[in-house]
Amino acid sequence: MPDFGQLIGHWGYLAIFVLVILGNMGVPLPEETVLILAGYLVWQGELRLPMVLGIGILSAVVGDNIGYRIGRHYGQGTIERYGHWVLGNSRRLERMRGFVTRYGPTGVFIARFLPGLRFMAAPLAGATGLRPLRFFVANVLGAALYVPLSVALGYAVGYGLGDYVNHLERVAGKLAQIVLTVAILGALALTGWRALRAARARRGS
């Protein structure tokens, strides 16, 4: 599993755009983790909130539409082969297909908030014949709600835990200094004790 924190920290908005697209077009990437990390970086001041929200929503919509087109063009046979390789369980894929088929655009909207179904919902919607306009509306509405919620969660984590983490870092730094000081004093004491024993041994001989 790649270190998404390092990827986003290095590539910034481009990493968010690419990873969220991949996670929505059918590649099993945890784009919710990407968005939560982006929200945390917003709290740290490394990213700007409007940019993160705009790029997050745009990439989620684009990724889902690519996945929908793949499913619509290549059909259920390809989805079954791909889904079996990713999920390792054909029954799970059948349950996903049944959910999307039964609930249509509502299922696509709900799937946005279900990690196990999110990355397969768009290809399945295309393969099962959900009409493009209905899919697009459900896709945009889902992204417009899901992305801000995920980013807000990351921001809340930073806001709630940031001071606590900084305090732990300061405490850990002080403990490290104490341990180092004790180790140096112990080493000096041991060296002095050995020198004293050697001196006594020489006098005794």
Protein backbone atom coordinates (compact mmCIF):
# COMPACT_ATOMS: atom_id res chain seq x y z
CA MET A 1 0.00 0.00 0.00
CA PRO A 2 1.51 3.35 -0.99
CA ASP A 3 2.04 6.09 1.57
CA PHE A 4 -0.74 8.46 0.56
CA GLY A 5 0.42 11.07 3.06
CA GLN A 6 3.81 11.32 1.36
CA LEU A 7 2.22 11.35 -2.10
CA ILE A 8 -0.12 14.19 -1.21
CA GLY A 9 2.59 16.03 0.71
CA HIS A 10 4.90 15.88 -2.33
CA TRP A 11 2.50 16.24 -5.27
CA GLY A 12 -0.28 18.19 -3.55
CA TYR A 13 -3.44 18.79 -5.54
CA LEU A 14 -2.26 16.66 -8.47
CA ALA A 15 -2.00 13.60 -6.21
CA ILE A 16 -5.53 14.19 -4.90
CA PHE A 17 -6.87 14.55 -8.44
CA VAL A 18 -5.23 11.38 -9.77
CA LEU A 19 -5.86 9.16 -6.74
CA VAL A 20 -9.52 10.13 -6.38
CA ILE A 21 -10.12 9.58 -10.11
CA LEU A 22 -8.57 6.11 -9.93
CA GLY A 23 -10.51 5.23 -6.80
CA ASN A 24 -13.80 6.20 -8.45
CA MET A 25 -13.29 4.65 -11.89
CA GLY A 26 -12.97 1.12 -10.51
CA VAL A 27 -9.43 0.86 -9.10
CA PRO A 28 -9.61 -0.35 -5.47
CA LEU A 29 -7.90 2.64 -3.87
CA PRO A 30 -9.18 4.11 -0.57
CA GLU A 31 -9.93 7.58 -1.87
CA GLU A 32 -11.70 8.34 1.41
CA THR A 33 -8.27 8.09 3.06
CA VAL A 34 -6.89 10.48 0.45
CA LEU A 35 -9.61 13.03 1.15
CA ILE A 36 -9.27 12.71 4.93
CA LEU A 37 -5.52 13.25 4.64
CA ALA A 38 -6.18 16.26 2.41
CA GLY A 39 -8.48 17.70 5.09
CA TYR A 40 -5.78 17.19 7.70
CA LEU A 41 -3.27 19.01 5.49
CA VAL A 42 -5.78 21.84 5.12
CA TRP A 43 -5.83 22.13 8.90
CA GLN A 44 -2.02 22.22 8.91
CA GLY A 45 -2.10 25.04 6.38
CA GLU A 46 -0.30 23.08 3.65
CA LEU A 47 -3.34 22.98 1.33
CA ARG A 48 -6.20 25.40 0.66
CA LEU A 49 -9.74 24.28 1.45
CA PRO A 50 -11.48 25.65 -1.70
CA MET A 51 -8.89 23.95 -3.94
CA VAL A 52 -9.20 20.63 -2.10
CA LEU A 53 -13.01 20.68 -2.27
CA GLY A 54 -13.10 21.71 -5.93
CA ILE A 55 -10.50 19.18 -7.04
CA GLY A 56 -12.01 16.45 -4.85
CA ILE A 57 -15.53 16.88 -6.26
CA LEU A 58 -14.32 17.24 -9.85
CA SER A 59 -12.07 14.16 -9.69
CA ALA A 60 -14.79 12.09 -7.99
CA VAL A 61 -17.29 12.97 -10.73
CA VAL A 62 -14.79 12.42 -13.54
CA GLY A 63 -13.58 9.11 -12.10
CA ASP A 64 -17.09 7.76 -11.69
CA ASN A 65 -18.03 8.79 -15.24
CA ILE A 66 -14.97 7.01 -16.62
CA GLY A 67 -15.93 3.91 -14.65
CA TYR A 68 -19.51 4.19 -15.94
CA ARG A 69 -18.29 4.43 -19.54
CA ILE A 70 -16.04 1.41 -19.06
CA GLY A 71 -18.94 -0.64 -17.73
CA ARG A 72 -21.30 0.56 -20.45
CA HIS A 73 -18.80 -0.09 -23.26
CA TYR A 74 -17.32 -3.43 -22.18
CA GLY A 75 -20.40 -4.90 -20.51
CA GLN A 76 -20.99 -7.26 -17.63
CA GLY A 77 -18.61 -9.96 -18.84
CA THR A 78 -15.58 -7.74 -18.35
CA ILE A 79 -16.93 -6.47 -15.03
CA GLU A 80 -17.35 -10.04 -13.82
CA ARG A 81 -13.77 -10.97 -14.74
CA TYR A 82 -12.35 -7.78 -13.27
CA GLY A 83 -14.58 -7.88 -10.19
CA HIS A 84 -13.68 -11.50 -9.45
CA TRP A 85 -9.97 -10.61 -9.63
CA VAL A 86 -10.39 -7.62 -7.30
CA LEU A 87 -12.99 -8.91 -4.87
CA GLY A 88 -12.03 -12.60 -4.92
CA ASN A 89 -15.69 -13.50 -4.38
CA SER A 90 -18.28 -13.73 -7.15
CA ARG A 91 -21.17 -13.69 -4.65
CA ARG A 92 -20.03 -10.33 -3.35
CA LEU A 93 -20.03 -8.96 -6.89
CA GLU A 94 -23.54 -10.32 -7.41
CA ARG A 95 -24.75 -8.57 -4.29
CA MET A 96 -23.21 -5.31 -5.52
CA ARG A 97 -24.82 -5.71 -8.93
CA GLY A 98 -28.17 -6.49 -7.33
CA PHE A 99 -27.95 -3.38 -5.15
CA VAL A 100 -27.16 -1.07 -8.07
CA THR A 101 -29.77 -2.70 -10.32
CA ARG A 102 -32.50 -2.56 -7.68
CA TYR A 103 -32.00 1.02 -6.50
CA GLY A 104 -30.71 2.64 -9.70
CA PRO A 105 -29.52 6.24 -9.24
CA THR A 106 -30.36 6.10 -5.52
CA GLY A 107 -28.05 3.10 -5.26
CA VAL A 108 -25.28 5.02 -7.02
CA PHE A 109 -25.74 7.90 -4.56
CA ILE A 110 -25.71 5.60 -1.51
CA ALA A 111 -22.74 3.61 -2.84
CA ARG A 112 -20.63 6.75 -2.62
CA PHE A 113 -20.67 6.32 1.17
CA LEU A 114 -20.04 2.55 1.24
CA PRO A 115 -16.31 1.68 0.98
CA GLY A 116 -16.92 -1.88 -0.24
CA LEU A 117 -19.22 -0.78 -3.04
CA ARG A 118 -17.95 2.68 -3.95
CA PHE A 119 -15.24 1.73 -6.45
CA MET A 120 -17.48 -0.77 -8.31
CA ALA A 121 -20.74 1.19 -8.38
CA ALA A 122 -19.97 3.21 -11.52
CA PRO A 123 -18.81 0.29 -13.72
CA LEU A 124 -21.78 -1.77 -12.53
CA ALA A 125 -24.18 1.09 -13.26
CA GLY A 126 -22.83 1.30 -16.80
CA ALA A 127 -22.91 -2.47 -17.30
CA THR A 128 -26.48 -2.82 -16.02
CA GLY A 129 -27.77 -0.12 -18.36
CA LEU A 130 -28.53 2.76 -16.00
CA ARG A 131 -29.26 5.79 -18.19
CA PRO A 132 -26.41 8.31 -18.46
CA LEU A 133 -28.34 11.37 -17.24
CA ARG A 134 -29.72 9.58 -14.18
CA PHE A 135 -26.28 8.27 -13.35
CA PHE A 136 -24.66 11.69 -13.82
CA VAL A 137 -27.14 13.43 -11.50
CA ALA A 138 -26.71 10.80 -8.78
CA ASN A 139 -22.95 10.90 -9.26
CA VAL A 140 -22.69 14.70 -8.91
CA LEU A 141 -25.00 14.84 -5.90
CA GLY A 142 -23.10 12.05 -4.16
CA ALA A 143 -19.72 13.66 -4.80
CA ALA A 144 -20.97 17.09 -3.70
CA LEU A 145 -21.90 15.64 -0.29
CA TYR A 146 -19.29 12.93 0.18
CA VAL A 147 -16.16 14.95 -0.59
CA PRO A 148 -16.84 17.84 1.86
CA LEU A 149 -17.76 15.35 4.59
CA SER A 150 -14.51 13.40 4.13
CA VAL A 151 -12.39 16.55 4.02
CA ALA A 152 -14.19 17.91 7.08
CA LEU A 153 -13.41 14.67 8.94
CA GLY A 154 -9.71 15.09 8.22
CA TYR A 155 -9.84 18.72 9.32
CA ALA A 156 -11.65 17.72 12.52
CA VAL A 157 -8.99 15.12 13.27
CA GLY A 158 -6.32 17.80 12.95
CA TYR A 159 -8.29 20.28 15.04
CA GLY A 160 -9.10 17.77 17.75
CA LEU A 161 -5.80 15.91 17.94
CA GLY A 162 -3.29 18.43 16.66
CA ASP A 163 -2.54 20.06 20.00
CA TYR A 164 -2.50 16.66 21.69
CA VAL A 165 -0.03 15.28 19.14
CA ASN A 166 2.19 18.35 19.49
CA HIS A 167 2.12 17.91 23.27
CA LEU A 168 3.12 14.25 22.91
CA GLU A 169 5.97 15.25 20.61
CA ARG A 170 7.25 17.74 23.18
CA VAL A 171 6.98 15.18 25.97
CA ALA A 172 8.74 12.55 23.84
CA GLY A 173 11.52 15.04 23.11
CA LYS A 174 12.03 15.75 26.82
CA LEU A 175 11.98 12.04 27.64
CA ALA A 176 14.58 11.40 24.94
CA GLN A 177 16.81 14.10 26.46
CA ILE A 178 16.42 12.58 29.93
CA VAL A 179 17.17 9.07 28.67
CA LEU A 180 20.23 10.34 26.78
CA THR A 181 21.48 12.23 29.86
CA VAL A 182 20.99 9.17 32.10
CA ALA A 183 22.75 6.96 29.55
CA ILE A 184 25.74 9.34 29.36
CA LEU A 185 25.98 9.62 33.15
CA GLY A 186 25.68 5.86 33.48
CA ALA A 187 28.42 5.31 30.94
CA LEU A 188 30.68 7.80 32.73
CA ALA A 189 29.97 6.20 36.09
CA LEU A 190 30.70 2.71 34.70
CA THR A 191 33.94 3.94 33.13
CA GLY A 192 35.00 5.60 36.40
CA TRP A 193 34.15 2.48 38.42
CA ARG A 194 36.18 0.26 36.10
CA ALA A 195 39.13 2.68 36.26
CA LEU A 196 38.91 2.65 40.06
CA ARG A 197 38.87 -1.15 40.17
CA ALA A 198 41.85 -1.32 37.81
CA ALA A 199 43.77 1.14 40.01
CA ARG A 200 43.00 -0.86 43.16
CA ALA A 201 44.03 -4.06 41.43
CA ARG A 202 47.38 -2.55 40.48
CA ARG A 203 48.00 -1.34 44.07
CA GLY A 204 47.07 -4.74 45.43
CA SER A 205 49.51 -6.52 43.14
